[in-house]
C-alpha atoms as a PDB file:
ATOM      1  CA  MET A   1      75.946 167.262  15.068  1.00  0.00           C
ATOM      2  CA  ASP A   2      75.613 169.620  18.030  1.00  0.00           C
ATOM      3  CA  ALA A   3      72.811 167.518  19.463  1.00  0.00           C
ATOM      4  CA  GLN A   4      74.923 164.383  19.223  1.00  0.00           C
ATOM      5  CA  ARG A   5      77.877 166.123  20.825  1.00  0.00           C
ATOM      6  CA  ALA A   6      75.667 167.333  23.675  1.00  0.00           C
ATOM      7  CA  LEU A   7      74.322 163.805  24.166  1.00  0.00           C
ATOM      8  CA  LEU A   8      77.869 162.398  24.342  1.00  0.00           C
ATOM      9  CA  ASP A   9      78.872 165.108  26.807  1.00  0.00           C
ATOM     10  CA  GLU A  10      75.936 164.154  28.996  1.00  0.00           C
ATOM     11  CA  LEU A  11      76.718 160.456  28.881  1.00  0.00           C
ATOM     12  CA  MET A  12      80.540 160.430  28.921  1.00  0.00           C
ATOM     13  CA  GLY A  13      81.470 163.879  30.166  1.00  0.00           C
ATOM     14  CA  THR A  14      83.205 166.770  28.467  1.00  0.00           C
ATOM     15  CA  ALA A  15      86.624 165.188  29.038  1.00  0.00           C
ATOM     16  CA  ARG A  16      85.887 162.018  27.048  1.00  0.00           C
ATOM     17  CA  ASN A  17      88.378 162.839  24.277  1.00  0.00           C
ATOM     18  CA  LEU A  18      91.250 163.871  26.572  1.00  0.00           C
ATOM     19  CA  THR A  19      94.275 161.736  27.341  1.00  0.00           C
ATOM     20  CA  GLU A  20      95.124 160.591  30.830  1.00  0.00           C
ATOM     21  CA  ASP A  21      97.678 163.361  31.253  1.00  0.00           C
ATOM     22  CA  GLU A  22      95.230 165.964  29.982  1.00  0.00           C
ATOM     23  CA  LYS A  23      92.519 164.680  32.292  1.00  0.00           C
ATOM     24  CA  LYS A  24      94.748 165.307  35.324  1.00  0.00           C
ATOM     25  CA  GLY A  25      94.710 169.051  34.691  1.00  0.00           C
ATOM     26  CA  HIS A  26      91.117 169.139  33.462  1.00  0.00           C
ATOM     27  CA  ARG A  27      88.409 170.713  35.628  1.00  0.00           C
ATOM     28  CA  GLU A  28      84.695 170.294  35.053  1.00  0.00           C
ATOM     29  CA  LEU A  29      82.797 173.501  34.371  1.00  0.00           C
ATOM     30  CA  ARG A  30      80.556 174.950  37.047  1.00  0.00           C
ATOM     31  CA  TRP A  31      77.599 177.242  36.553  1.00  0.00           C
ATOM     32  CA  ASP A  32      79.436 180.233  38.079  1.00  0.00           C
ATOM     33  CA  ASP A  33      82.410 180.024  35.675  1.00  0.00           C
ATOM     34  CA  LYS A  34      82.955 182.889  33.246  1.00  0.00           C
ATOM     35  CA  GLU A  35      82.796 180.470  30.315  1.00  0.00           C
ATOM     36  CA  VAL A  36      79.151 179.649  31.114  1.00  0.00           C
ATOM     37  CA  CYS A  37      76.399 181.855  29.641  1.00  0.00           C
ATOM     38  CA  ALA A  38      74.672 183.682  32.510  1.00  0.00           C
ATOM     39  CA  PHE A  39      71.777 184.676  30.195  1.00  0.00           C
ATOM     40  CA  TYR A  40      71.028 181.034  29.513  1.00  0.00           C
ATOM     41  CA  MET A  41      71.217 180.245  33.228  1.00  0.00           C
ATOM     42  CA  VAL A  42      68.652 182.824  34.331  1.00  0.00           C
ATOM     43  CA  ARG A  43      66.214 183.225  31.410  1.00  0.00           C
ATOM     44  CA  PHE A  44      67.159 182.919  27.736  1.00  0.00           C
ATOM     45  CA  CYS A  45      70.121 183.727  25.533  1.00  0.00           C
ATOM     46  CA  PRO A  46      69.340 186.298  22.794  1.00  0.00           C
ATOM     47  CA  HIS A  47      71.743 184.486  20.436  1.00  0.00           C
ATOM     48  CA  ASP A  48      69.280 181.559  20.331  1.00  0.00           C
ATOM     49  CA  LEU A  49      66.258 183.687  19.393  1.00  0.00           C
ATOM     50  CA  PHE A  50      67.162 184.912  15.900  1.00  0.00           C
ATOM     51  CA  VAL A  51      68.868 181.942  14.265  1.00  0.00           C
ATOM     52  CA  ASN A  52      68.639 182.076  10.420  1.00  0.00           C
ATOM     53  CA  THR A  53      66.831 185.433  10.423  1.00  0.00           C
ATOM     54  CA  ARG A  54      67.811 188.942   9.326  1.00  0.00           C
ATOM     55  CA  SER A  55      68.599 189.722  12.986  1.00  0.00           C
ATOM     56  CA  ASP A  56      70.796 186.649  13.544  1.00  0.00           C
ATOM     57  CA  LEU A  57      73.383 187.442  16.272  1.00  0.00           C
ATOM     58  CA  GLY A  58      75.542 184.433  15.506  1.00  0.00           C
ATOM     59  CA  PRO A  59      76.491 181.633  17.912  1.00  0.00           C
ATOM     60  CA  CYS A  60      76.888 182.502  21.588  1.00  0.00           C
ATOM     61  CA  PRO A  61      80.568 182.611  22.639  1.00  0.00           C
ATOM     62  CA  ARG A  62      79.728 181.040  26.007  1.00  0.00           C
ATOM     63  CA  VAL A  63      78.647 177.568  27.058  1.00  0.00           C
ATOM     64  CA  HIS A  64      75.002 176.515  27.114  1.00  0.00           C
ATOM     65  CA  ASP A  65      74.515 173.385  29.215  1.00  0.00           C
ATOM     66  CA  GLN A  66      71.211 172.148  30.569  1.00  0.00           C
ATOM     67  CA  LYS A  67      72.915 170.229  33.399  1.00  0.00           C
ATOM     68  CA  LEU A  68      74.675 173.401  34.552  1.00  0.00           C
ATOM     69  CA  LYS A  69      71.365 175.247  34.408  1.00  0.00           C
ATOM     70  CA  GLU A  70      69.729 172.600  36.590  1.00  0.00           C
ATOM     71  CA  SER A  71      72.682 172.796  38.986  1.00  0.00           C
ATOM     72  CA  PHE A  72      72.249 176.565  39.160  1.00  0.00           C
ATOM     73  CA  GLU A  73      68.529 176.253  39.912  1.00  0.00           C
ATOM     74  CA  LYS A  74      69.253 173.814  42.772  1.00  0.00           C
ATOM     75  CA  SER A  75      72.129 175.854  44.187  1.00  0.00           C
ATOM     76  CA  SER A  76      71.800 177.622  47.538  1.00  0.00           C
ATOM     77  CA  ARG A  77      73.237 180.744  45.868  1.00  0.00           C
ATOM     78  CA  HIS A  78      70.510 180.808  43.200  1.00  0.00           C
ATOM     79  CA  ASP A  79      68.489 183.670  44.730  1.00  0.00           C
ATOM     80  CA  ALA A  80      71.614 185.754  45.287  1.00  0.00           C
ATOM     81  CA  TYR A  81      72.816 185.466  41.661  1.00  0.00           C
ATOM     82  CA  VAL A  82      69.459 185.855  39.873  1.00  0.00           C
ATOM     83  CA  PRO A  83      69.279 189.683  40.247  1.00  0.00           C
ATOM     84  CA  LYS A  84      72.857 190.042  38.970  1.00  0.00           C
ATOM     85  CA  PHE A  85      72.291 187.810  35.926  1.00  0.00           C
ATOM     86  CA  GLU A  86      68.930 189.454  35.132  1.00  0.00           C
ATOM     87  CA  ALA A  87      70.523 192.922  35.279  1.00  0.00           C
ATOM     88  CA  GLU A  88      73.209 191.820  32.783  1.00  0.00           C
ATOM     89  CA  LEU A  89      70.581 190.291  30.488  1.00  0.00           C
ATOM     90  CA  ALA A  90      68.417 193.439  30.689  1.00  0.00           C
ATOM     91  CA  LYS A  91      71.403 195.596  29.733  1.00  0.00           C
ATOM     92  CA  PHE A  92      72.123 193.419  26.683  1.00  0.00           C
ATOM     93  CA  CYS A  93      68.453 193.348  25.646  1.00  0.00           C
ATOM     94  CA  GLU A  94      68.105 197.126  25.988  1.00  0.00           C
ATOM     95  CA  LYS A  95      70.972 197.557  23.537  1.00  0.00           C
ATOM     96  CA  LEU A  96      69.197 195.249  21.067  1.00  0.00           C
ATOM     97  CA  VAL A  97      65.938 197.171  21.429  1.00  0.00           C
ATOM     98  CA  MET A  98      67.686 200.518  20.982  1.00  0.00           C
ATOM     99  CA  ASP A  99      69.176 199.350  17.665  1.00  0.00           C
ATOM    100  CA  LEU A 100      65.799 197.954  16.611  1.00  0.00           C
ATOM    101  CA  ASP A 101      63.944 201.159  17.494  1.00  0.00           C
ATOM    102  CA  ARG A 102      66.448 203.081  15.416  1.00  0.00           C
ATOM    103  CA  ARG A 103      65.607 200.883  12.415  1.00  0.00           C
ATOM    104  CA  VAL A 104      61.897 201.274  13.108  1.00  0.00           C
ATOM    105  CA  ARG A 105      62.221 205.077  13.098  1.00  0.00           C
ATOM    106  CA  ARG A 106      64.058 204.966   9.779  1.00  0.00           C
ATOM    107  CA  GLY A 107      61.381 202.710   8.309  1.00  0.00           C
ATOM    108  CA  ARG A 108      58.626 204.966   9.606  1.00  0.00           C
ATOM    109  CA  GLU A 109      60.302 207.989   8.050  1.00  0.00           C
ATOM    110  CA  ARG A 110      60.626 206.095   4.772  1.00  0.00           C
ATOM    111  CA  LEU A 111      56.914 205.363   4.728  1.00  0.00           C
ATOM    112  CA  ALA A 112      55.996 208.904   5.768  1.00  0.00           C
ATOM    113  CA  GLN A 113      58.086 210.735   3.224  1.00  0.00           C
ATOM    114  CA  GLU A 114      56.121 212.246   0.325  1.00  0.00           C
ATOM    115  CA  VAL A 115      57.341 212.325  -3.246  1.00  0.00           C
ATOM    116  CA  GLU A 116      56.542 215.695  -4.744  1.00  0.00           C
ATOM    117  CA  PRO A 117      54.757 215.341  -8.114  1.00  0.00           C
ATOM    118  CA  ALA A 118      56.527 216.797 -11.128  1.00  0.00           C
ATOM    119  CA  PRO A 119      55.195 220.126 -12.398  1.00  0.00           C
ATOM    120  CA  PRO A 120      52.807 219.768 -15.344  1.00  0.00           C
ATOM    121  CA  ALA A 121      54.466 219.953 -18.753  1.00  0.00           C
ATOM    122  CA  PRO A 122      53.522 222.933 -20.970  1.00  0.00           C
ATOM    123  CA  LEU A 123      50.796 222.301 -23.561  1.00  0.00           C
ATOM    124  CA  SER A 124      51.743 222.044 -27.180  1.00  0.00           C
ATOM    125  CA  ALA A 125      50.717 224.739 -29.705  1.00  0.00           C
ATOM    126  CA  GLU A 126      48.195 222.421 -31.287  1.00  0.00           C
ATOM    127  CA  LYS A 127      46.452 221.681 -27.996  1.00  0.00           C
ATOM    128  CA  SER A 128      46.497 225.364 -27.087  1.00  0.00           C
ATOM    129  CA  GLU A 129      44.758 226.228 -30.358  1.00  0.00           C
ATOM    130  CA  GLN A 130      42.171 223.500 -29.792  1.00  0.00           C
ATOM    131  CA  LEU A 131      41.482 224.800 -26.304  1.00  0.00           C
ATOM    132  CA  SER A 132      41.019 228.327 -27.634  1.00  0.00           C
ATOM    133  CA  VAL A 133      38.485 227.105 -30.258  1.00  0.00           C
ATOM    134  CA  LEU A 134      36.590 225.128 -27.618  1.00  0.00           C
ATOM    135  CA  GLU A 135      36.478 228.077 -25.231  1.00  0.00           C
ATOM    136  CA  GLU A 136      35.100 230.300 -28.042  1.00  0.00           C
ATOM    137  CA  LYS A 137      32.418 227.742 -28.899  1.00  0.00           C
ATOM    138  CA  ILE A 138      31.408 227.368 -25.256  1.00  0.00           C
ATOM    139  CA  LYS A 139      31.148 231.144 -24.889  1.00  0.00           C
ATOM    140  CA  ASN A 140      28.874 231.461 -27.970  1.00  0.00           C
ATOM    141  CA  LEU A 141      26.678 228.574 -26.863  1.00  0.00           C
ATOM    142  CA  LEU A 142      26.219 230.067 -23.402  1.00  0.00           C
ATOM    143  CA  GLU A 143      25.097 233.371 -24.984  1.00  0.00           C
ATOM    144  CA  GLN A 144      22.557 231.480 -27.117  1.00  0.00           C
ATOM    145  CA  VAL A 145      21.318 229.558 -24.065  1.00  0.00           C
ATOM    146  CA  GLU A 146      20.746 232.818 -22.247  1.00  0.00           C
ATOM    147  CA  SER A 147      18.811 234.281 -25.181  1.00  0.00           C
ATOM    148  CA  LEU A 148      16.621 231.187 -25.566  1.00  0.00           C
ATOM    149  CA  GLY A 149      15.956 231.189 -21.854  1.00  0.00           C
ATOM    150  CA  GLU A 150      14.716 234.795 -22.024  1.00  0.00           C
ATOM    151  CA  ALA A 151      12.541 233.909 -24.973  1.00  0.00           C
ATOM    152  CA  GLY A 152      10.990 231.000 -23.097  1.00  0.00           C
ATOM    153  CA  LYS A 153      12.398 228.329 -25.385  1.00  0.00           C
ATOM    154  CA  VAL A 154      13.400 225.890 -22.685  1.00  0.00           C
ATOM    155  CA  ASP A 155      13.876 222.766 -24.844  1.00  0.00           C
ATOM    156  CA  GLU A 156      16.292 224.488 -27.244  1.00  0.00           C
ATOM    157  CA  ALA A 157      18.228 225.945 -24.251  1.00  0.00           C
ATOM    158  CA  GLU A 158      18.618 222.498 -22.679  1.00  0.00           C
ATOM    159  CA  ALA A 159      19.891 221.021 -25.951  1.00  0.00           C
ATOM    160  CA  LEU A 160      22.543 223.740 -26.186  1.00  0.00           C
ATOM    161  CA  MET A 161      23.558 223.113 -22.536  1.00  0.00           C
ATOM    162  CA  ARG A 162      24.213 219.458 -23.355  1.00  0.00           C
ATOM    163  CA  LYS A 163      26.543 220.609 -26.135  1.00  0.00           C
ATOM    164  CA  VAL A 164      28.335 222.908 -23.626  1.00  0.00           C
ATOM    165  CA  GLU A 165      28.878 219.939 -21.266  1.00  0.00           C
ATOM    166  CA  ALA A 166      30.341 217.870 -24.091  1.00  0.00           C
ATOM    167  CA  LEU A 167      32.749 220.662 -25.013  1.00  0.00           C
ATOM    168  CA  ASN A 168      33.838 220.963 -21.346  1.00  0.00           C
ATOM    169  CA  ALA A 169      34.597 217.232 -21.296  1.00  0.00           C
ATOM    170  CA  GLU A 170      36.801 217.637 -24.366  1.00  0.00           C
ATOM    171  CA  MET A 171      38.680 220.461 -22.638  1.00  0.00           C
ATOM    172  CA  THR A 172      39.262 218.248 -19.574  1.00  0.00           C
ATOM    173  CA  VAL A 173      40.721 215.465 -21.729  1.00  0.00           C
ATOM    174  CA  LEU A 174      43.059 217.922 -23.419  1.00  0.00           C
ATOM    175  CA  THR A 175      44.298 219.464 -20.138  1.00  0.00           C
ATOM    176  CA  GLN A 176      44.667 216.138 -18.216  1.00  0.00           C
ATOM    177  CA  GLN A 177      48.292 214.848 -17.873  1.00  0.00           C
ATOM    178  CA  PRO A 178      49.227 211.167 -17.386  1.00  0.00           C
ATOM    179  CA  GLN A 179      50.744 210.170 -14.008  1.00  0.00           C
ATOM    180  CA  ASN A 180      54.496 209.770 -14.058  1.00  0.00           C
ATOM    181  CA  ASP A 181      56.362 206.700 -12.823  1.00  0.00           C
ATOM    182  CA  LYS A 182      57.473 208.352  -9.576  1.00  0.00           C
ATOM    183  CA  VAL A 183      53.907 208.979  -8.427  1.00  0.00           C
ATOM    184  CA  LEU A 184      52.987 205.389  -9.248  1.00  0.00           C
ATOM    185  CA  MET A 185      55.908 204.110  -7.137  1.00  0.00           C
ATOM    186  CA  LEU A 186      54.786 206.311  -4.258  1.00  0.00           C
ATOM    187  CA  ALA A 187      51.259 204.928  -4.414  1.00  0.00           C
ATOM    188  CA  GLN A 188      52.665 201.389  -4.363  1.00  0.00           C
ATOM    189  CA  GLU A 189      54.980 202.158  -1.409  1.00  0.00           C
ATOM    190  CA  LYS A 190      52.135 203.649   0.618  1.00  0.00           C
ATOM    191  CA  LYS A 191      50.567 200.186   0.671  1.00  0.00           C
ATOM    192  CA  MET A 192      53.391 198.910   2.895  1.00  0.00           C
ATOM    193  CA  ALA A 193      53.127 198.759   6.700  1.00  0.00           C
ATOM    194  CA  LEU A 194      55.743 198.509   9.439  1.00  0.00           C
ATOM    195  CA  CYS A 195      55.734 196.019  12.333  1.00  0.00           C
ATOM    196  CA  GLU A 196      56.390 197.975  15.530  1.00  0.00           C
ATOM    197  CA  VAL A 197      57.588 194.850  17.390  1.00  0.00           C
ATOM    198  CA  CYS A 198      60.342 193.550  15.109  1.00  0.00           C
ATOM    199  CA  GLY A 199      60.711 196.347  12.530  1.00  0.00           C
ATOM    200  CA  SER A 200      59.777 194.225   9.488  1.00  0.00           C
ATOM    201  CA  PHE A 201      57.932 195.671   6.475  1.00  0.00           C
ATOM    202  CA  LEU A 202      54.568 194.124   5.762  1.00  0.00           C
ATOM    203  CA  VAL A 203      52.031 194.496   2.991  1.00  0.00           C
ATOM    204  CA  ALA A 204      49.010 196.372   4.258  1.00  0.00           C
ATOM    205  CA  ASN A 205      45.776 194.401   4.166  1.00  0.00           C
ATOM    206  CA  ASP A 206      47.713 191.261   3.281  1.00  0.00           C
ATOM    207  CA  ALA A 207      46.226 187.774   3.480  1.00  0.00           C
ATOM    208  CA  ALA A 208      45.620 186.416   6.980  1.00  0.00           C
ATOM    209  CA  GLU A 209      47.924 183.453   6.341  1.00  0.00           C
ATOM    210  CA  ARG A 210      50.885 185.687   5.551  1.00  0.00           C
ATOM    211  CA  THR A 211      50.185 187.907   8.572  1.00  0.00           C
ATOM    212  CA  GLN A 212      49.947 184.856  10.834  1.00  0.00           C
ATOM    213  CA  SER A 213      53.193 183.513   9.374  1.00  0.00           C
ATOM    214  CA  HIS A 214      54.924 186.749  10.292  1.00  0.00           C
ATOM    215  CA  VAL A 215      53.505 186.808  13.835  1.00  0.00           C
ATOM    216  CA  THR A 216      54.663 183.249  14.512  1.00  0.00           C
ATOM    217  CA  GLY A 217      58.098 183.809  12.970  1.00  0.00           C
ATOM    218  CA  LYS A 218      61.372 183.661  14.935  1.00  0.00           C
ATOM    219  CA  GLN A 219      62.193 187.335  14.572  1.00  0.00           C
ATOM    220  CA  HIS A 220      58.787 188.587  15.750  1.00  0.00           C
ATOM    221  CA  ILE A 221      58.612 186.138  18.675  1.00  0.00           C
ATOM    222  CA  GLY A 222      62.242 186.793  19.647  1.00  0.00           C
ATOM    223  CA  TYR A 223      61.880 190.559  19.822  1.00  0.00           C
ATOM    224  CA  GLY A 224      58.556 190.114  21.615  1.00  0.00           C
ATOM    225  CA  MET A 225      60.323 188.051  24.308  1.00  0.00           C
ATOM    226  CA  VAL A 226      63.054 190.672  24.597  1.00  0.00           C
ATOM    227  CA  ARG A 227      60.584 193.541  24.950  1.00  0.00           C
ATOM    228  CA  ASP A 228      58.439 191.623  27.455  1.00  0.00           C
ATOM    229  CA  PHE A 229      61.486 190.794  29.579  1.00  0.00           C
ATOM    230  CA  ILE A 230      62.616 194.435  29.642  1.00  0.00           C
ATOM    231  CA  ALA A 231      59.140 195.603  30.657  1.00  0.00           C
ATOM    232  CA  GLU A 232      58.931 192.908  33.353  1.00  0.00           C
ATOM    233  CA  PHE A 233      62.426 193.749  34.659  1.00  0.00           C
ATOM    234  CA  LYS A 234      61.666 197.487  34.860  1.00  0.00           C
ATOM    235  CA  GLU A 235      58.352 196.819  36.595  1.00  0.00           C
ATOM    236  CA  ALA A 236      60.008 194.536  39.175  1.00  0.00           C
ATOM    237  CA  LYS A 237      62.773 197.099  39.706  1.00  0.00           C
ATOM    238  CA  GLU A 238      60.244 199.889  40.185  1.00  0.00           C
ATOM    239  CA  LYS A 239      58.235 197.710  42.570  1.00  0.00           C
ATOM    240  CA  ALA A 240      61.362 196.921  44.617  1.00  0.00           C
ATOM    241  CA  ARG A 241      62.256 200.616  44.694  1.00  0.00           C
ATOM    242  CA  GLU A 242      58.741 201.478  45.886  1.00  0.00           C
ATOM    243  CA  GLU A 243      58.859 198.790  48.589  1.00  0.00           C
ATOM    244  CA  GLU A 244      62.250 200.074  49.733  1.00  0.00           C
ATOM    245  CA  ARG A 245      60.859 203.613  49.879  1.00  0.00           C
ATOM    246  CA  LEU A 246      57.897 202.434  51.975  1.00  0.00           C
ATOM    247  CA  VAL A 247      60.240 200.576  54.338  1.00  0.00           C
ATOM    248  CA  ARG A 248      62.373 203.694  54.749  1.00  0.00           C
ATOM    249  CA  GLU A 249      59.302 205.822  55.432  1.00  0.00           C
ATOM    250  CA  LYS A 250      58.081 203.268  57.959  1.00  0.00           C
ATOM    251  CA  GLU A 251      61.455 203.274  59.733  1.00  0.00           C
ATOM    252  CA  VAL A 252      61.487 207.062  59.801  1.00  0.00           C
ATOM    253  CA  GLU A 253      57.947 207.094  61.238  1.00  0.00           C
ATOM    254  CA  GLU A 254      58.883 204.523  63.885  1.00  0.00           C
ATOM    255  CA  ARG A 255      61.972 206.510  64.861  1.00  0.00           C
ATOM    256  CA  ARG A 256      59.866 209.654  65.091  1.00  0.00           C
ATOM    257  CA  LYS A 257      57.323 207.931  67.334  1.00  0.00           C
ATOM    258  CA  GLN A 258      60.134 206.524  69.471  1.00  0.00           C
ATOM    259  CA  ARG A 259      61.639 209.991  69.871  1.00  0.00           C
ATOM    260  CA  GLU A 260      58.250 211.430  70.800  1.00  0.00           C
ATOM    261  CA  LYS A 261      57.765 208.642  73.331  1.00  0.00           C
ATOM    262  CA  GLU A 262      61.203 209.261  74.841  1.00  0.00           C
ATOM    263  CA  ASN A 263      60.576 213.009  74.975  1.00  0.00           C
ATOM    264  CA  GLU A 264      57.203 212.423  76.621  1.00  0.00           C
ATOM    265  CA  SER A 265      58.779 210.070  79.161  1.00  0.00           C
ATOM    266  CA  ARG A 266      61.542 212.586  79.805  1.00  0.00           C
ATOM    267  CA  ARG A 267      59.011 215.379  80.303  1.00  0.00           C
ATOM    268  CA  SER A 268      56.961 213.158  82.606  1.00  0.00           C
ATOM    269  CA  ARG A 269      60.000 212.368  84.739  1.00  0.00           C
ATOM    270  CA  SER A 270      60.960 216.044  84.780  1.00  0.00           C
ATOM    271  CA  ASP A 271      57.442 217.075  85.845  1.00  0.00           C
ATOM    272  CA  SER A 272      57.420 214.373  88.522  1.00  0.00           C
ATOM    273  CA  GLY A 273      60.812 215.542  89.789  1.00  0.00           C
ATOM    274  CA  ASP A 274      59.608 219.130  89.850  1.00  0.00           C
ATOM    275  CA  ARG A 275      56.487 218.135  91.768  1.00  0.00           C
ATOM    276  CA  ASP A 276      58.570 216.208  94.288  1.00  0.00           C
ATOM    277  CA  LYS A 277      60.937 219.140  94.586  1.00  0.00           C
ATOM    278  CA  TYR A 278      58.057 221.563  95.138  1.00  0.00           C
ATOM    279  CA  ARG A 279      56.447 219.137  97.579  1.00  0.00           C
ATOM    280  CA  ASP A 280      59.656 218.932  99.587  1.00  0.00           C
ATOM    281  CA  GLN A 281      59.949 222.698  99.536  1.00  0.00           C
ATOM    282  CA  ASP A 282      56.362 223.009 100.749  1.00  0.00           C
ATOM    283  CA  LYS A 283      57.051 220.539 103.516  1.00  0.00           C
ATOM    284  CA  ASP A 284      60.122 222.481 104.570  1.00  0.00           C
ATOM    285  CA  SER A 285      58.113 225.707 104.514  1.00  0.00           C
ATOM    286  CA  ASP A 286      55.375 224.079 106.570  1.00  0.00           C
ATOM    287  CA  ARG A 287      57.889 222.861 109.085  1.00  0.00           C
ATOM    288  CA  TYR A 288      59.475 226.293 109.236  1.00  0.00           C
ATOM    289  CA  ARG A 289      56.116 228.008 109.720  1.00  0.00           C
ATOM    290  CA  GLU A 290      55.041 225.452 112.253  1.00  0.00           C
ATOM    291  CA  ARG A 291      58.270 225.817 114.145  1.00  0.00           C
ATOM    292  CA  ASN A 292      58.008 229.642 114.207  1.00  0.00           C
ATOM    293  CA  GLY A 293      54.269 229.671 114.877  1.00  0.00           C
ATOM    294  CA  ARG A 294      54.312 227.356 117.880  1.00  0.00           C
ATOM    295  CA  GLY A 295      57.222 229.280 119.340  1.00  0.00           C
ATOM    296  CA  SER A 296      60.325 228.089 120.901  1.00  0.00           C
ATOM    297  CA  ARG A 297      58.483 226.183 123.620  1.00  0.00           C
ATOM    298  CA  ASP A 298      57.978 223.099 121.494  1.00  0.00           C
ATOM    299  CA  GLY A 299      61.464 223.406 120.173  1.00  0.00           C
ATOM    300  CA  GLU A 300      62.678 223.757 123.721  1.00  0.00           C
ATOM    301  CA  ARG A 301      60.800 220.637 124.764  1.00  0.00           C
ATOM    302  CA  GLU A 302      62.123 218.688 121.796  1.00  0.00           C
ATOM    303  CA  TRP A 303      65.639 219.890 122.421  1.00  0.00           C
ATOM    304  CA  ARG A 304      65.308 219.132 126.125  1.00  0.00           C
ATOM    305  CA  TYR A 305      63.914 215.675 125.365  1.00  0.00           C
ATOM    306  CA  LYS A 306      66.825 214.907 123.131  1.00  0.00           C
ATOM    307  CA  SER A 307      69.239 216.330 125.577  1.00  0.00           C
ATOM    308  CA  VAL A 308      67.795 214.242 128.378  1.00  0.00           C
ATOM    309  CA  ARG A 309      67.708 211.141 126.210  1.00  0.00           C
ATOM    310  CA  ASP A 310      71.211 211.543 124.939  1.00  0.00           C
ATOM    311  CA  GLY A 311      72.616 213.054 128.067  1.00  0.00           C
ATOM    312  CA  GLY A 312      71.158 210.415 130.323  1.00  0.00           C
ATOM    313  CA  ARG A 313      73.447 207.874 128.841  1.00  0.00           C
ATOM    314  CA  GLU A 314      76.432 210.069 129.459  1.00  0.00           C
ATOM    315  CA  ARG A 315      75.339 210.663 133.073  1.00  0.00           C
ATOM    316  CA  HIS A 316      74.981 206.943 133.545  1.00  0.00           C
ATOM    317  CA  TYR A 317      78.595 206.390 132.642  1.00  0.00           C
ATOM    318  CA  ASN A 318      80.136 209.701 133.729  1.00  0.00           C
ATOM    319  CA  ARG A 319      78.447 210.720 137.010  1.00  0.00           C
ATOM    320  CA  SER A 320      81.623 212.137 138.462  1.00  0.00           C
ATOM    321  CA  ARG A 321      82.241 214.236 135.389  1.00  0.00           C
ATOM    322  CA  SER A 322      78.759 215.820 135.521  1.00  0.00           C
ATOM    323  CA  ARG A 323      79.617 217.388 138.893  1.00  0.00           C
ATOM    324  CA  SER A 324      82.617 219.276 137.579  1.00  0.00           C
ATOM    325  CA  PRO A 325      82.539 223.150 137.576  1.00  0.00           C
ATOM    326  CA  ASP A 326      82.725 223.342 133.777  1.00  0.00           C
ATOM    327  CA  VAL A 327      79.675 221.175 133.318  1.00  0.00           C
ATOM    328  CA  LEU A 328      77.745 223.120 135.958  1.00  0.00           C
ATOM    329  CA  ALA A 329      78.591 226.398 134.228  1.00  0.00           C
ATOM    330  CA  LEU A 330      77.475 224.992 130.879  1.00  0.00           C
ATOM    331  CA  LYS A 331      74.160 223.883 132.352  1.00  0.00           C
ATOM    332  CA  ALA A 332      73.652 227.269 133.928  1.00  0.00           C
ATOM    333  CA  ASN A 333      74.154 228.936 130.567  1.00  0.00           C
ATOM    334  CA  GLU A 334      71.678 226.555 128.988  1.00  0.00           C
ATOM    335  CA  LEU A 335      69.063 227.344 131.638  1.00  0.00           C
ATOM    336  CA  CYS A 336      69.559 231.070 131.046  1.00  0.00           C
ATOM    337  CA  TRP A 337      69.178 230.579 127.304  1.00  0.00           C
ATOM    338  CA  ASP A 338      66.007 228.548 127.799  1.00  0.00           C
ATOM    339  CA  TYR A 339      64.559 231.188 130.094  1.00  0.00           C
ATOM    340  CA  THR A 340      65.373 233.913 127.567  1.00  0.00           C
ATOM    341  CA  ASN A 341      63.722 231.957 124.726  1.00  0.00           C
ATOM    342  CA  SER A 342      60.655 231.360 126.875  1.00  0.00           C
ATOM    343  CA  LEU A 343      60.297 235.071 127.616  1.00  0.00           C
ATOM    344  CA  SER A 344      60.743 235.997 123.973  1.00  0.00           C
ATOM    345  CA  SER A 345      58.119 233.467 122.888  1.00  0.00           C
ATOM    346  CA  LYS A 346      55.675 234.825 125.456  1.00  0.00           C
ATOM    347  CA  LEU A 347      56.284 238.364 124.230  1.00  0.00           C
ATOM    348  CA  LEU A 348      55.653 237.271 120.634  1.00  0.00           C
ATOM    349  CA  GLU A 349      52.396 235.596 121.597  1.00  0.00           C
ATOM    350  CA  ARG A 350      51.303 238.680 123.467  1.00  0.00           C
ATOM    351  CA  LYS A 351      52.053 240.927 120.506  1.00  0.00           C
ATOM    352  CA  LYS A 352      50.046 238.661 118.212  1.00  0.00           C
ATOM    353  CA  VAL A 353      47.061 238.757 120.559  1.00  0.00           C
ATOM    354  CA  GLU A 354      47.231 242.529 120.785  1.00  0.00           C
ATOM    355  CA  SER A 355      47.466 242.914 117.001  1.00  0.00           C
ATOM    356  CA  ASN A 356      44.461 240.626 116.559  1.00  0.00           C
ATOM    357  CA  CYS A 357      42.462 242.651 119.052  1.00  0.00           C
ATOM    358  CA  ARG A 358      43.277 245.925 117.222  1.00  0.00           C
ATOM    359  CA  GLU A 359      42.206 244.446 113.891  1.00  0.00           C
ATOM    360  CA  ARG A 360      38.876 243.419 115.357  1.00  0.00           C
END
């Protein structure tokens, strides 16, 4: 019936039985609607795995539609929704496995429990008397065997030993108790085995056909799919986490190298600036030493050259002004200053020569 209904839905649509007024407000389902089973879209729905088994989950409350699944696989949002749907499916499957593992632990405890045997029942008075008689006979025979052995009568001693063994066998029969029903049930239960995949009880060393029938059954295959999916999901999640960690470490390493490069560039610029600064200072010192060493004569010549160069222009345009008393007085002062500087420079040179001569 369900197959026929699905075929009609595929051919005529889900709104085939609606009236015209109902069709106006009807909207076709899409794969991202809440009514659609996300488990069925991405992998499998656990409700479909255990139909008609002891672990049957019942029908799925959401819609399973192959056309919607194909639409989801062709959608541009497929890759974005797959991790979300797989995480929801993994959460549901982990709950199933937790319940199953709980049943497996209970079954394992049931198989491992030991039934304590009942204490032996006390012997009756008749059996106690028989045991006493047998013990007395065995004691006498052993004394006779010892005497015959000392006398060298080996054949007679061996015959008596066979009688002693027979009497011991009778004592064992009298003291042996039959197994009770509880011990027999325990021995039968110990022959059972437990399937670690689906939690079913199996008969140990059962026929190969029955074992193969269990392995290919719905419950065993269904729980195997669930466990495999959980293991695959955890492995993919761990792999993604490891890749993310490596990417973070790579970014941190690149940032560290970039900082080192910037610091190195900054230090290089600072060293270059310091070298330029020291070079300029050295140049200034050299100029200062050169200026003081050569005396004021060169400075006087340079100053006079500039004065002539710059003053010539002024004289060209202001000849009448250059003959004024103020200008003549200024020039006289300049000549006196030049003469004084010349004398001082000559005195300095003379002192240097004299100091050099004394040192020699």
